[in-house]
Protein backbone atom coordinates (compact mmCIF):
# COMPACT_ATOMS: atom_id res chain seq x y z
CA MET A 1 12.61 10.37 16.44
CA GLN A 2 13.47 7.31 14.39
CA ILE A 3 11.74 4.07 15.23
CA ASP A 4 14.04 1.20 16.21
CA TYR A 5 14.58 -1.67 13.79
CA LEU A 6 12.46 -4.29 15.55
CA THR A 7 9.42 -2.02 15.75
CA TYR A 8 9.93 -0.97 12.14
CA PHE A 9 10.21 -4.57 10.93
CA LEU A 10 7.20 -5.81 12.92
CA ALA A 11 5.11 -2.88 11.72
CA SER A 12 6.07 -3.69 8.13
CA ILE A 13 4.91 -7.29 8.64
CA ALA A 14 1.64 -6.08 10.18
CA SER A 15 1.11 -3.69 7.27
CA TYR A 16 1.83 -6.42 4.74
CA SER A 17 -0.70 -8.74 6.40
CA GLY A 18 -3.52 -6.80 4.75
CA LEU A 19 -2.89 -9.12 1.81
CA LEU A 20 -3.85 -12.06 4.01
CA LEU A 21 -7.09 -10.36 5.02
CA GLY A 22 -7.96 -9.82 1.36
CA ILE A 23 -7.46 -13.52 0.65
CA ILE A 24 -9.67 -14.43 3.61
CA LEU A 25 -12.30 -11.99 2.34
CA ILE A 26 -12.37 -13.64 -1.09
CA LYS A 27 -12.42 -17.15 0.42
CA LEU A 28 -15.47 -16.18 2.51
CA ALA A 29 -17.32 -14.55 -0.38
CA PRO A 30 -15.82 -15.62 -3.74
CA GLU A 31 -18.97 -14.60 -5.59
CA GLU A 32 -18.25 -10.96 -4.70
CA GLN A 33 -14.85 -10.83 -6.42
CA ASN A 34 -16.06 -9.99 -9.94
CA PRO A 35 -18.83 -7.52 -9.00
CA GLY A 36 -16.51 -5.82 -6.51
CA LYS A 37 -13.56 -5.47 -8.87
CA ARG A 38 -14.16 -1.83 -9.80
CA TYR A 39 -14.68 -0.94 -6.14
CA PHE A 40 -11.44 -2.68 -5.17
CA ILE A 41 -9.59 -0.69 -7.84
CA LEU A 42 -11.20 2.54 -6.66
CA LEU A 43 -10.30 1.73 -3.05
CA GLN A 44 -6.67 1.11 -4.06
CA LYS A 45 -6.48 4.49 -5.75
CA ILE A 46 -8.07 6.32 -2.82
CA ILE A 47 -5.70 4.69 -0.33
CA LEU A 48 -2.61 5.51 -2.43
CA LEU A 49 -3.74 9.11 -2.75
CA ALA A 50 -4.49 9.33 0.99
CA ALA A 51 -1.03 7.96 1.80
CA LEU A 52 0.56 10.64 -0.36
CA ILE A 53 -1.61 13.42 1.09
CA PHE A 54 -0.81 12.44 4.69
CA LEU A 55 2.90 12.30 3.90
CA LEU A 56 2.85 15.76 2.33
CA ALA A 57 0.75 17.20 5.15
CA PHE A 58 2.94 15.86 7.95
CA TYR A 59 6.14 17.01 6.26
CA LYS A 60 4.51 20.42 5.71
CA VAL A 61 5.39 20.60 2.04
CA GLU A 62 4.48 23.92 0.41
CA LEU A 63 0.90 24.14 -0.79
CA ILE A 64 1.73 24.75 -4.46
CA ILE A 65 4.22 21.89 -4.61
CA SER A 66 1.75 19.63 -2.80
CA ALA A 67 -1.00 20.56 -5.25
CA ILE A 68 1.25 19.74 -8.22
CA ILE A 69 2.31 16.40 -6.72
CA ILE A 70 -1.28 15.46 -5.85
CA LEU A 71 -2.50 16.47 -9.32
CA ALA A 72 0.23 14.35 -10.93
CA ALA A 73 -0.73 11.44 -8.66
CA ILE A 74 -4.40 11.79 -9.59
CA LEU A 75 -3.54 11.80 -13.28
CA LEU A 76 -1.32 8.75 -12.81
CA LEU A 77 -3.95 6.93 -10.77
CA ASN A 78 -6.58 7.74 -13.39
CA LYS A 79 -4.94 5.27 -15.76
CA LYS A 80 -5.55 1.54 -15.41
CA ILE A 81 -2.13 0.67 -14.03
CA ILE A 82 -2.84 -0.19 -10.42
CA PRO A 83 -4.25 -3.75 -10.61
CA GLU A 84 -1.52 -4.96 -12.94
CA LYS A 85 1.33 -3.03 -11.33
CA THR A 86 0.87 -3.64 -7.62
CA GLY A 87 4.61 -4.27 -7.25
CA PHE A 88 5.24 -0.68 -8.30
CA ALA A 89 2.58 0.55 -5.90
CA TYR A 90 4.21 -1.42 -3.08
CA ILE A 91 7.63 0.08 -3.88
CA PHE A 92 5.99 3.48 -3.51
CA LEU A 93 4.31 2.41 -0.27
CA GLY A 94 7.59 0.99 1.08
CA THR A 95 9.24 4.35 0.47
CA ILE A 96 6.37 6.14 2.20
CA PHE A 97 6.63 3.63 5.04
CA TYR A 98 10.28 4.56 5.58
CA LEU A 99 9.67 8.32 5.29
CA SER A 100 6.85 8.10 7.80
CA SER A 101 9.06 6.34 10.36
CA LYS A 102 10.53 9.71 11.33
CA ILE A 103 7.18 10.94 12.70
CA PHE A 104 5.38 8.43 14.93
CA ASP A 105 1.81 9.67 14.30
CA LEU A 106 2.38 9.61 10.56
CA PHE A 107 3.95 6.15 10.86
CA VAL A 108 0.81 4.76 12.47
CA ILE A 109 -1.41 6.31 9.80
CA GLU A 110 0.73 5.11 6.90
CA ALA A 111 1.10 1.60 8.32
CA SER A 112 -2.70 1.41 8.63
CA LEU A 113 -3.19 2.66 5.07
CA ILE A 114 -0.71 0.10 3.74
CA PHE A 115 -2.62 -2.62 5.60
CA LEU A 116 -5.87 -1.37 4.07
CA PHE A 117 -4.25 -1.22 0.61
CA GLY A 118 -3.42 -4.92 0.88
CA VAL A 119 -7.06 -5.94 1.26
CA PRO A 120 -8.31 -4.83 -2.19
CA THR A 121 -4.96 -5.69 -3.77
CA SER A 122 -5.08 -9.35 -2.79
CA SER A 123 -8.81 -9.44 -3.48
CA LEU A 124 -8.00 -8.53 -7.08
CA ILE A 125 -5.00 -10.84 -7.50
CA PHE A 126 -6.22 -13.95 -5.68
CA ASN A 127 -7.87 -16.59 -7.83
CA TYR A 128 -10.17 -18.79 -5.77
CA LYS A 129 -10.01 -21.70 -8.23
CA LYS A 130 -6.23 -21.65 -8.72
CA LYS A 131 -5.50 -20.95 -5.04
CA ASN A 132 -2.53 -18.78 -6.00
CA TYR A 133 -1.43 -17.76 -2.51
CA ASN A 134 2.21 -17.55 -3.55
CA ASP A 135 1.45 -15.15 -6.40
CA VAL A 136 -0.33 -12.76 -4.07
CA PHE A 137 2.56 -12.57 -1.64
CA THR A 138 5.49 -12.77 -4.06
CA LYS A 139 4.16 -10.13 -6.47
CA ASN A 140 4.04 -7.65 -3.62
CA LEU A 141 7.32 -8.46 -1.87
CA TRP A 142 8.68 -5.23 -3.31
CA PHE A 143 7.23 -3.55 -0.25
CA PHE A 144 9.78 -5.29 1.97
CA VAL A 145 12.59 -4.76 -0.51
CA SER A 146 12.05 -1.02 -0.63
CA ALA A 147 11.14 -0.51 3.04
CA ILE A 148 14.03 -2.54 4.49
CA LEU A 149 16.62 -1.49 1.91
CA ILE A 150 15.91 2.21 2.40
CA TYR A 151 15.96 1.74 6.18
CA PHE A 152 19.49 0.32 6.04
CA MET A 153 20.69 2.86 3.47
CA PHE A 154 19.70 5.86 5.57
C-alpha cells in the first residue's frame, strides 16, 4: 500500500521539523552545546543505524546480506563524517523515507527516526551567536530533494 502524496509530503515536513526542535533546544540551553557535542554525534550515528536496521528488517532482507550491510554502515559511521556531511545523511534518510512509504508501520518508525535525527543535527550546526537558522535548514534540504524526487520517479 503506497501512501498518497499529501500524507507523504506532510509526513516529510513533520520529519524535517526535528531540525527546528534542535534549534529550540540550543536556544534554551546554549551552554550545553559544546559539552553535548560528542553525545549529539553518537545519537546521530545510532539513529542512522537504527533506520537502516528497521528498513532491512521490514523488507526481510537475508540475514547474511543484512549483516554485511550493517557492518559496512558501522564502519562508515565510525569515521568522523556525520557532523560535516549531514546533507549526505539526509539524502540517505530521504531514500529510506521513500522506501518505507510502502509499509505503513515502517513509514511511521522511519519518519519518527528522521525527526529524532534532526534534533542532534541542528544542535550541532546551529550557532547561537551567529543565529544561522538558514544554514541549518538549507544544508539539510537534500532530504526533500531525495524524498520528493524519488517519489515522483517511482
